[in-house]
C-alpha cells in the first residue's frame, strides 16, 4: 500500500520540489482512478509577498514563513510559476480599498496566476495534481497570488493553453475576465454590433477589443499613438489617437456598447452620447470603493448605491441607455472561452518585462513611475 500511495503522491512531491515550502501531510485530497483518498498532504508554509501597511513599493515584504490555510472542499492549491502585476495591485498597495482591507492587514496582493496544481479539495472534479492551469482571483480576495502557493476556487481556474508559457498566460485571466463581464455578461454583445472601447491600449481594453472582434462585432477604440498599430492588428476597425484627435469629430457612427476603461467625466460624457438607444455604457471606474474609503463601509456603500441608481435612472430616461459600473468576477464559462481564444491566438496580451518575485518592489516602482507602460510579470521559481 505504501508504494501505491507514493506513486499517487508523486505529482505533489514534484510540485513541492519546485519551491521553498514546508510540508505537512495535511487534510487535502488527491485523485485516484476510482475514488478520493484523504491524507495530510498540504503545504503549511511558503514564500509570499505581504502588504503589512499601505504605502509605496518599499512597504512590500517578501517572507519565507507565511502560513498556507487548509483547502476548502472546492479549492485548488496552485504552485505558482508566474503572476502578473495589475493596476489594481499598485492601487491597493497605495491604499485603494482600505475600508475593506485595512482591518485584514497583512494581505497578499496579486490576482492572476499561472502554474501547476499541487493539491485539490475534496469536491474538485475538474483538475488533477500536476496539471498546468491559469486563472484569477476576485478583486476583494485577501490572500492573493504573489506567493509560491496560491489558493483559488475551482471556478476561478482552467487549463493553461498549451501554446502559451506561464509568463504569457499569467497576464490574461484578470484583464480578460473584466472585459468579458462587461461585454458578454452585461452588454451581451452579438455578431454585427458596434462596440467602442475607450482606452484600448491597456490590458482590459486590449482584451475587450479581441473579445468583441471574436464575437463578430465592429470595434472602434481610443488609445495613445504608441498603441495604434497594435489595436488595429488585433482587429479594431478604427483607432483614434486621443492625444491628437478630437474623439467626437473622429467617430461618425453610434454604438451598441461602450466600455470605458478610463472612467473620467469627459470620457463618460462622450461614451454615453455615442450610444444608440438601448445601448450599454460600462465603466471600470465605479465609485463604490472610493466612497467607502472616504466615508467608511456603512455610509460609503449606501451613498455609492444611491449615486449609481440615480445615474441609471437619469440616463435611461434622457438617453434610453443602460449605465453600469463593472468589475471582474469569477466566470467558469467565460474563463474557458478565454482559454480557447488564447489557445488559437485570438486573445493575447503582450508582456513588456518580467522580474523575479524577489524584485517585487522594483516591479511596483517601475509601474508607479510609468517606466513600463505594458504588462509586468513576476516569475516565481
Protein backbone atom coordinates (compact mmCIF):
# COMPACT_ATOMS: atom_id res chain seq x y z
CA UNK A 1 0.00 0.00 0.00
CA UNK A 2 2.82 2.43 0.81
CA UNK A 3 4.27 2.08 -2.71
CA UNK A 4 0.87 2.81 -4.27
CA UNK A 5 0.47 5.97 -2.18
CA UNK A 6 3.95 7.18 -3.08
CA UNK A 7 3.08 6.79 -6.73
CA UNK A 8 -0.15 8.71 -6.32
CA UNK A 9 1.60 11.48 -4.41
CA UNK A 10 4.44 11.85 -6.91
CA UNK A 11 2.80 14.83 -8.63
CA UNK A 12 2.57 16.73 -5.35
CA UNK A 13 6.13 15.79 -4.35
CA UNK A 14 7.37 17.08 -7.69
CA UNK A 15 5.43 20.29 -7.12
CA UNK A 16 6.90 20.59 -3.64
CA UNK A 17 10.39 20.28 -5.01
CA UNK A 18 9.80 23.39 -7.12
CA UNK A 19 9.74 25.90 -4.27
CA UNK A 20 10.77 26.73 -0.75
CA UNK A 21 7.94 25.39 1.38
CA UNK A 22 7.28 23.30 4.48
CA UNK A 23 5.02 20.28 4.08
CA UNK A 24 2.58 18.67 6.44
CA UNK A 25 0.79 15.67 5.07
CA UNK A 26 -2.47 17.53 5.72
CA UNK A 27 -6.15 17.23 5.07
CA UNK A 28 -6.37 17.69 1.31
CA UNK A 29 -7.46 15.27 -1.37
CA UNK A 30 -5.56 13.70 -4.20
CA UNK A 31 -7.28 12.00 -7.13
CA UNK A 32 -7.10 8.27 -7.82
CA UNK A 33 -8.63 6.32 -10.67
CA UNK A 34 -11.62 5.10 -8.67
CA UNK A 35 -12.05 7.18 -5.54
CA UNK A 36 -10.65 10.06 -3.50
CA UNK A 37 -8.39 9.35 -0.56
CA UNK A 38 -7.96 11.74 2.38
CA UNK A 39 -4.43 12.27 3.70
CA UNK A 40 -2.41 15.08 5.24
CA UNK A 41 -0.54 16.34 2.22
CA UNK A 42 -0.61 20.10 2.05
CA UNK A 43 1.93 22.91 2.23
CA UNK A 44 1.92 24.62 5.64
CA UNK A 45 4.38 27.50 4.99
CA UNK A 46 5.80 29.13 1.87
CA UNK A 47 7.20 32.35 0.44
CA UNK A 48 4.78 35.22 -0.11
CA UNK A 49 4.85 38.97 -0.63
CA UNK A 50 2.96 40.60 2.23
CA UNK A 51 1.43 44.06 2.41
CA UNK A 52 1.63 44.91 6.13
CA UNK A 53 0.58 48.56 5.63
CA UNK A 54 -0.33 50.88 2.80
CA UNK A 55 2.31 52.96 1.07
CA UNK A 56 4.93 52.91 -1.66
CA UNK A 57 6.74 49.88 -3.11
CA UNK A 58 9.06 49.79 -0.08
CA UNK A 59 6.25 48.51 2.18
CA UNK A 60 6.13 45.17 0.33
CA UNK A 61 7.78 42.35 2.29
CA UNK A 62 8.90 39.00 0.87
CA UNK A 63 8.73 36.44 3.67
CA UNK A 64 9.63 32.76 3.70
CA UNK A 65 7.34 31.58 6.50
CA UNK A 66 3.84 32.64 5.50
CA UNK A 67 1.19 30.12 6.51
CA UNK A 68 -0.94 28.32 3.94
CA UNK A 69 -4.58 27.76 5.00
CA UNK A 70 -6.23 24.35 4.77
CA UNK A 71 -8.02 23.82 1.47
CA UNK A 72 -11.80 24.10 1.42
CA UNK A 73 -13.62 21.34 -0.50
CA UNK A 74 -13.94 23.47 -3.68
CA UNK A 75 -10.42 24.91 -3.64
CA UNK A 76 -7.22 24.17 -5.54
CA UNK A 77 -3.65 24.69 -4.36
CA UNK A 78 -1.59 26.06 -7.25
CA UNK A 79 2.21 26.05 -7.39
CA UNK A 80 2.63 29.50 -8.95
CA UNK A 81 5.11 29.92 -11.79
CA UNK A 82 4.18 33.41 -12.95
CA UNK A 83 1.90 36.14 -11.60
CA UNK A 84 1.11 39.43 -13.28
CA UNK A 85 1.26 42.89 -11.72
CA UNK A 86 -2.11 44.54 -12.29
CA UNK A 87 -3.00 48.21 -11.90
CA UNK A 88 -5.29 47.09 -9.08
CA UNK A 89 -2.28 45.72 -7.19
CA UNK A 90 -0.43 49.04 -7.15
CA UNK A 91 -3.62 50.90 -6.21
CA UNK A 92 -4.36 48.50 -3.36
CA UNK A 93 -0.79 48.84 -2.12
CA UNK A 94 -1.27 52.62 -2.04
CA UNK A 95 -4.49 52.37 -0.04
CA UNK A 96 -7.30 51.87 -2.55
CA UNK A 97 -9.97 49.77 -0.84
CA UNK A 98 -8.57 50.49 2.63
CA UNK A 99 -12.06 50.47 4.13
CA UNK A 100 -12.25 46.77 3.31
CA UNK A 101 -8.62 45.67 3.52
CA UNK A 102 -7.13 47.70 6.40
CA UNK A 103 -8.72 45.58 9.15
CA UNK A 104 -7.38 42.46 7.39
CA UNK A 105 -3.73 43.51 7.03
CA UNK A 106 -1.31 41.98 6.29
CA UNK A 107 -2.70 40.78 2.97
CA UNK A 108 -1.13 39.22 -0.12
CA UNK A 109 -1.51 41.15 -3.37
CA UNK A 110 -1.98 39.61 -6.81
CA UNK A 111 -4.98 38.45 -8.87
CA UNK A 112 -3.60 36.43 -11.82
CA UNK A 113 -1.62 33.19 -11.66
CA UNK A 114 -0.28 30.52 -13.97
CA UNK A 115 1.21 27.35 -12.55
CA UNK A 116 0.59 23.69 -11.69
CA UNK A 117 -1.97 22.03 -9.46
CA UNK A 118 -0.30 20.90 -6.22
CA UNK A 119 -3.41 19.63 -4.39
CA UNK A 120 -7.19 19.72 -4.69
CA UNK A 121 -10.13 19.98 -2.30
CA UNK A 122 -12.47 17.05 -1.73
CA UNK A 123 -15.18 18.28 -4.13
CA UNK A 124 -12.90 19.35 -7.00
CA UNK A 125 -13.51 17.31 -10.16
CA UNK A 126 -12.05 19.41 -12.99
CA UNK A 127 -8.32 19.22 -12.17
CA UNK A 128 -5.62 16.73 -11.27
CA UNK A 129 -2.31 17.11 -9.48
CA UNK A 130 0.47 18.27 -11.81
CA UNK A 131 -1.93 19.80 -14.37
CA UNK A 132 -0.97 23.23 -15.72
CA UNK A 133 -3.64 25.84 -15.00
CA UNK A 134 -4.22 29.58 -15.07
CA UNK A 135 -6.85 31.81 -13.53
CA UNK A 136 -7.64 34.85 -11.43
CA UNK A 137 -8.98 35.76 -8.01
CA UNK A 138 -11.84 38.17 -7.28
CA UNK A 139 -10.75 41.79 -6.65
CA UNK A 140 -11.62 41.52 -2.94
CA UNK A 141 -9.53 38.40 -2.23
CA UNK A 142 -7.11 38.98 0.69
CA UNK A 143 -4.79 36.02 0.01
CA UNK A 144 -3.56 36.90 -3.46
CA UNK A 145 -1.18 35.24 -5.89
CA UNK A 146 2.18 36.88 -5.02
CA UNK A 147 3.24 33.60 -3.41
CA UNK A 148 4.78 30.20 -4.13
CA UNK A 149 1.43 28.52 -3.45
CA UNK A 150 -1.83 30.28 -4.32
CA UNK A 151 -5.31 29.06 -3.44
CA UNK A 152 -8.17 29.54 -5.89
CA UNK A 153 -11.63 28.04 -6.12
CA UNK A 154 -12.31 25.53 -8.87
CA UNK A 155 -14.36 28.00 -10.92
CA UNK A 156 -11.52 30.55 -10.85
CA UNK A 157 -9.19 28.25 -12.79
CA UNK A 158 -8.99 26.47 -16.12
CA UNK A 159 -6.38 24.51 -18.03
CA UNK A 160 -3.49 26.68 -19.23
CA UNK A 161 -3.33 26.99 -23.02
CA UNK A 162 -0.64 24.60 -24.20
CA UNK A 163 0.61 27.14 -26.73
CA UNK A 164 1.44 29.70 -24.04
CA UNK A 165 4.23 29.86 -21.48
CA UNK A 166 3.36 30.52 -17.83
CA UNK A 167 4.55 34.12 -18.25
CA UNK A 168 2.33 34.68 -21.31
CA UNK A 169 -0.66 33.00 -19.66
CA UNK A 170 -0.39 34.87 -16.37
CA UNK A 171 -1.33 38.27 -17.81
CA UNK A 172 -4.58 37.14 -19.40
CA UNK A 173 -7.22 35.99 -16.87
CA UNK A 174 -7.96 39.07 -14.75
CA UNK A 175 -7.97 41.57 -17.63
CA UNK A 176 -9.88 39.28 -19.97
CA UNK A 177 -12.49 38.33 -17.35
CA UNK A 178 -13.02 42.02 -16.56
CA UNK A 179 -13.68 42.69 -20.24
CA UNK A 180 -15.80 39.53 -20.53
CA UNK A 181 -18.02 40.62 -17.62
CA UNK A 182 -18.73 43.93 -19.32
CA UNK A 183 -19.17 42.85 -22.92
CA UNK A 184 -20.57 39.34 -22.67
CA UNK A 185 -22.35 39.17 -19.29
CA UNK A 186 -23.67 42.75 -19.11
CA UNK A 187 -23.99 44.10 -22.66
CA UNK A 188 -24.42 40.62 -24.18
CA UNK A 189 -22.78 41.70 -27.43
CA UNK A 190 -23.66 39.76 -30.57
CA UNK A 191 -22.35 39.46 -34.10
CA UNK A 192 -22.69 42.61 -36.21
CA UNK A 193 -23.00 45.04 -33.31
CA UNK A 194 -20.78 48.09 -32.91
CA UNK A 195 -18.54 48.35 -29.84
CA UNK A 196 -16.43 51.29 -28.64
CA UNK A 197 -13.56 50.61 -26.26
CA UNK A 198 -12.30 53.76 -24.56
CA UNK A 199 -8.68 53.08 -23.60
CA UNK A 200 -7.87 50.17 -25.90
CA UNK A 201 -4.14 50.35 -25.19
CA UNK A 202 -4.41 48.98 -21.64
CA UNK A 203 -4.73 45.31 -20.76
CA UNK A 204 -8.50 45.32 -20.17
CA UNK A 205 -9.16 47.47 -23.21
CA UNK A 206 -6.92 45.36 -25.43
CA UNK A 207 -8.62 42.18 -24.21
CA UNK A 208 -12.01 43.78 -24.86
CA UNK A 209 -11.10 44.59 -28.45
CA UNK A 210 -10.12 40.97 -29.09
CA UNK A 211 -13.21 39.55 -27.37
CA UNK A 212 -15.50 41.84 -29.37
CA UNK A 213 -13.75 41.00 -32.63
CA UNK A 214 -14.02 37.28 -31.84
CA UNK A 215 -17.77 37.80 -31.28
CA UNK A 216 -18.08 39.28 -34.79
CA UNK A 217 -18.51 42.91 -33.71
CA UNK A 218 -17.29 46.07 -35.41
CA UNK A 219 -14.84 47.67 -32.98
CA UNK A 220 -13.58 51.23 -32.60
CA UNK A 221 -11.19 52.29 -29.88
CA UNK A 222 -9.30 55.23 -28.42
CA UNK A 223 -5.68 54.89 -27.34
CA UNK A 224 -2.30 56.62 -27.36
CA UNK A 225 -0.23 56.89 -30.52
CA UNK A 226 2.11 54.10 -29.38
CA UNK A 227 -0.81 51.61 -29.35
CA UNK A 228 -2.43 52.43 -32.71
CA UNK A 229 -0.70 49.71 -34.74
CA UNK A 230 -1.26 47.07 -32.05
CA UNK A 231 -5.00 47.65 -31.66
CA UNK A 232 -5.52 47.71 -35.44
CA UNK A 233 -3.61 44.45 -35.75
CA UNK A 234 -5.91 43.00 -33.05
CA UNK A 235 -8.92 43.69 -35.26
CA UNK A 236 -10.14 47.18 -34.37
CA UNK A 237 -11.59 48.87 -37.46
CA UNK A 238 -10.92 52.38 -36.18
CA UNK A 239 -8.28 53.62 -33.72
CA UNK A 240 -8.42 57.23 -32.54
CA UNK A 241 -5.33 58.79 -31.00
CA UNK A 242 -6.86 60.71 -28.11
CA UNK A 243 -3.69 62.81 -27.72
CA UNK A 244 -4.02 64.41 -31.18
CA UNK A 245 -7.59 63.81 -32.38
CA UNK A 246 -11.00 65.02 -31.27
CA UNK A 247 -12.83 61.80 -30.46
CA UNK A 248 -16.31 63.20 -31.12
CA UNK A 249 -15.27 64.54 -34.52
CA UNK A 250 -13.37 61.39 -35.49
CA UNK A 251 -16.21 58.97 -34.74
CA UNK A 252 -19.16 59.20 -37.11
CA UNK A 253 -21.29 56.24 -36.00
CA UNK A 254 -23.13 55.23 -32.85
CA UNK A 255 -22.56 52.09 -30.82
CA UNK A 256 -24.44 49.28 -29.16
CA UNK A 257 -21.94 49.07 -26.30
CA UNK A 258 -19.25 51.34 -24.85
CA UNK A 259 -16.64 50.01 -22.44
CA UNK A 260 -14.88 52.93 -20.76
CA UNK A 261 -11.67 51.76 -19.10
CA UNK A 262 -10.68 55.36 -18.26
CA UNK A 263 -13.82 56.48 -16.46
CA UNK A 264 -13.14 60.23 -16.45
CA UNK A 265 -16.14 62.61 -16.55
CA UNK A 266 -15.24 63.59 -20.13
CA UNK A 267 -14.94 60.01 -21.41
CA UNK A 268 -18.23 59.16 -19.69
CA UNK A 269 -19.97 62.06 -21.40
CA UNK A 270 -18.54 61.16 -24.80
CA UNK A 271 -19.28 57.45 -24.40
CA UNK A 272 -22.89 57.98 -23.43
CA UNK A 273 -23.50 60.45 -26.26
CA UNK A 274 -22.13 57.92 -28.78
CA UNK A 275 -24.55 55.16 -27.74
CA UNK A 276 -27.63 54.08 -29.62
CA UNK A 277 -30.88 53.92 -27.67
CA UNK A 278 -30.93 50.60 -25.85
CA UNK A 279 -27.13 50.54 -25.71
CA UNK A 280 -24.94 49.81 -22.71
CA UNK A 281 -22.34 52.12 -21.14
CA UNK A 282 -19.94 50.31 -18.78
CA UNK A 283 -17.17 51.96 -16.77
CA UNK A 284 -14.40 50.31 -14.78
CA UNK A 285 -14.19 53.35 -12.51
CA UNK A 286 -17.21 52.86 -10.28
CA UNK A 287 -17.31 54.95 -7.13
CA UNK A 288 -18.13 52.28 -4.53
CA UNK A 289 -14.57 51.69 -3.28
CA UNK A 290 -13.54 55.36 -3.23
CA UNK A 291 -16.68 56.43 -1.36
CA UNK A 292 -16.30 53.57 1.12
CA UNK A 293 -12.70 54.65 1.69
CA UNK A 294 -13.80 58.24 2.29
CA UNK A 295 -16.83 57.62 4.50
CA UNK A 296 -16.46 54.02 5.69
CA UNK A 297 -18.34 50.96 4.50
CA UNK A 298 -21.51 51.66 6.50
CA UNK A 299 -22.02 55.13 4.99
CA UNK A 300 -19.98 54.94 1.78
CA UNK A 301 -21.64 51.91 0.18
CA UNK A 302 -25.22 53.25 0.52
CA UNK A 303 -24.05 56.57 -0.96
CA UNK A 304 -22.44 54.72 -3.88
CA UNK A 305 -25.58 52.66 -4.42
CA UNK A 306 -27.69 55.83 -4.48
CA UNK A 307 -25.33 57.52 -6.98
CA UNK A 308 -25.37 54.50 -9.28
CA UNK A 309 -29.16 54.22 -9.14
CA UNK A 310 -29.55 57.93 -9.85
CA UNK A 311 -27.29 57.71 -12.91
CA UNK A 312 -29.06 54.59 -14.16
CA UNK A 313 -32.46 56.29 -13.95
CA UNK A 314 -31.14 59.57 -15.37
CA UNK A 315 -29.52 58.04 -18.45
CA UNK A 316 -32.35 55.60 -19.04
CA UNK A 317 -34.79 58.48 -19.37
CA UNK A 318 -32.53 61.08 -21.02
CA UNK A 319 -30.68 58.81 -23.47
CA UNK A 320 -32.53 55.50 -23.41
CA UNK A 321 -29.36 53.62 -22.44
CA UNK A 322 -28.24 51.33 -19.64
CA UNK A 323 -25.47 52.54 -17.31
CA UNK A 324 -23.22 50.17 -15.33
CA UNK A 325 -20.23 50.06 -13.02
CA UNK A 326 -18.44 46.89 -13.98
CA UNK A 327 -15.73 44.78 -12.35
CA UNK A 328 -14.20 41.33 -12.66
CA UNK A 329 -15.84 38.29 -11.15
CA UNK A 330 -15.31 34.55 -11.46
CA UNK A 331 -16.98 33.04 -14.52
CA UNK A 332 -16.04 29.45 -15.30
CA UNK A 333 -17.70 29.50 -18.73
CA UNK A 334 -16.10 32.83 -19.59
CA UNK A 335 -12.66 31.68 -18.48
CA UNK A 336 -12.98 28.56 -20.60
CA UNK A 337 -13.87 30.64 -23.66
CA UNK A 338 -10.92 32.91 -22.89
CA UNK A 339 -8.69 29.83 -22.77
CA UNK A 340 -9.99 28.63 -26.14
CA UNK A 341 -9.41 32.00 -27.79
CA UNK A 342 -5.93 32.25 -26.26
CA UNK A 343 -5.06 28.75 -27.44
CA UNK A 344 -5.69 29.65 -31.08
CA UNK A 345 -4.04 33.07 -30.88
CA UNK A 346 -7.20 35.18 -30.95
CA UNK A 347 -6.63 36.60 -27.48
CA UNK A 348 -3.22 37.63 -26.24
CA UNK A 349 -1.82 40.37 -24.06
CA UNK A 350 1.84 41.26 -24.64
CA UNK A 351 4.30 41.13 -21.74
CA UNK A 352 6.74 44.04 -21.64
CA UNK A 353 9.01 42.99 -18.78
CA UNK A 354 9.49 40.22 -16.21
CA UNK A 355 11.00 40.40 -12.73
CA UNK A 356 11.80 37.60 -10.28
CA UNK A 357 9.39 37.73 -7.35
CA UNK A 358 12.34 38.72 -5.18
CA UNK A 359 12.33 42.04 -7.06
CA UNK A 360 8.65 42.81 -6.46
CA UNK A 361 9.48 46.26 -5.09
CA UNK A 362 11.38 47.14 -8.25
CA UNK A 363 8.46 45.90 -10.37
CA UNK A 364 5.97 48.09 -8.49
CA UNK A 365 8.31 51.07 -8.61
CA UNK A 366 8.64 50.74 -12.38
CA UNK A 367 4.86 50.71 -12.74
CA UNK A 368 4.40 53.64 -10.35
CA UNK A 369 6.92 55.76 -12.23
CA UNK A 370 5.43 54.73 -15.59
CA UNK A 371 8.80 53.49 -16.82
CA UNK A 372 6.94 50.45 -18.12
CA UNK A 373 3.59 51.03 -19.80
CA UNK A 374 2.84 47.41 -20.70
CA UNK A 375 2.28 44.30 -18.61
CA UNK A 376 4.77 43.27 -15.96
CA UNK A 377 5.10 39.69 -14.69
CA UNK A 378 6.68 38.31 -11.54
CA UNK A 379 8.36 34.94 -12.16
CA UNK A 380 8.14 32.52 -9.23
CA UNK A 381 10.91 29.92 -9.25
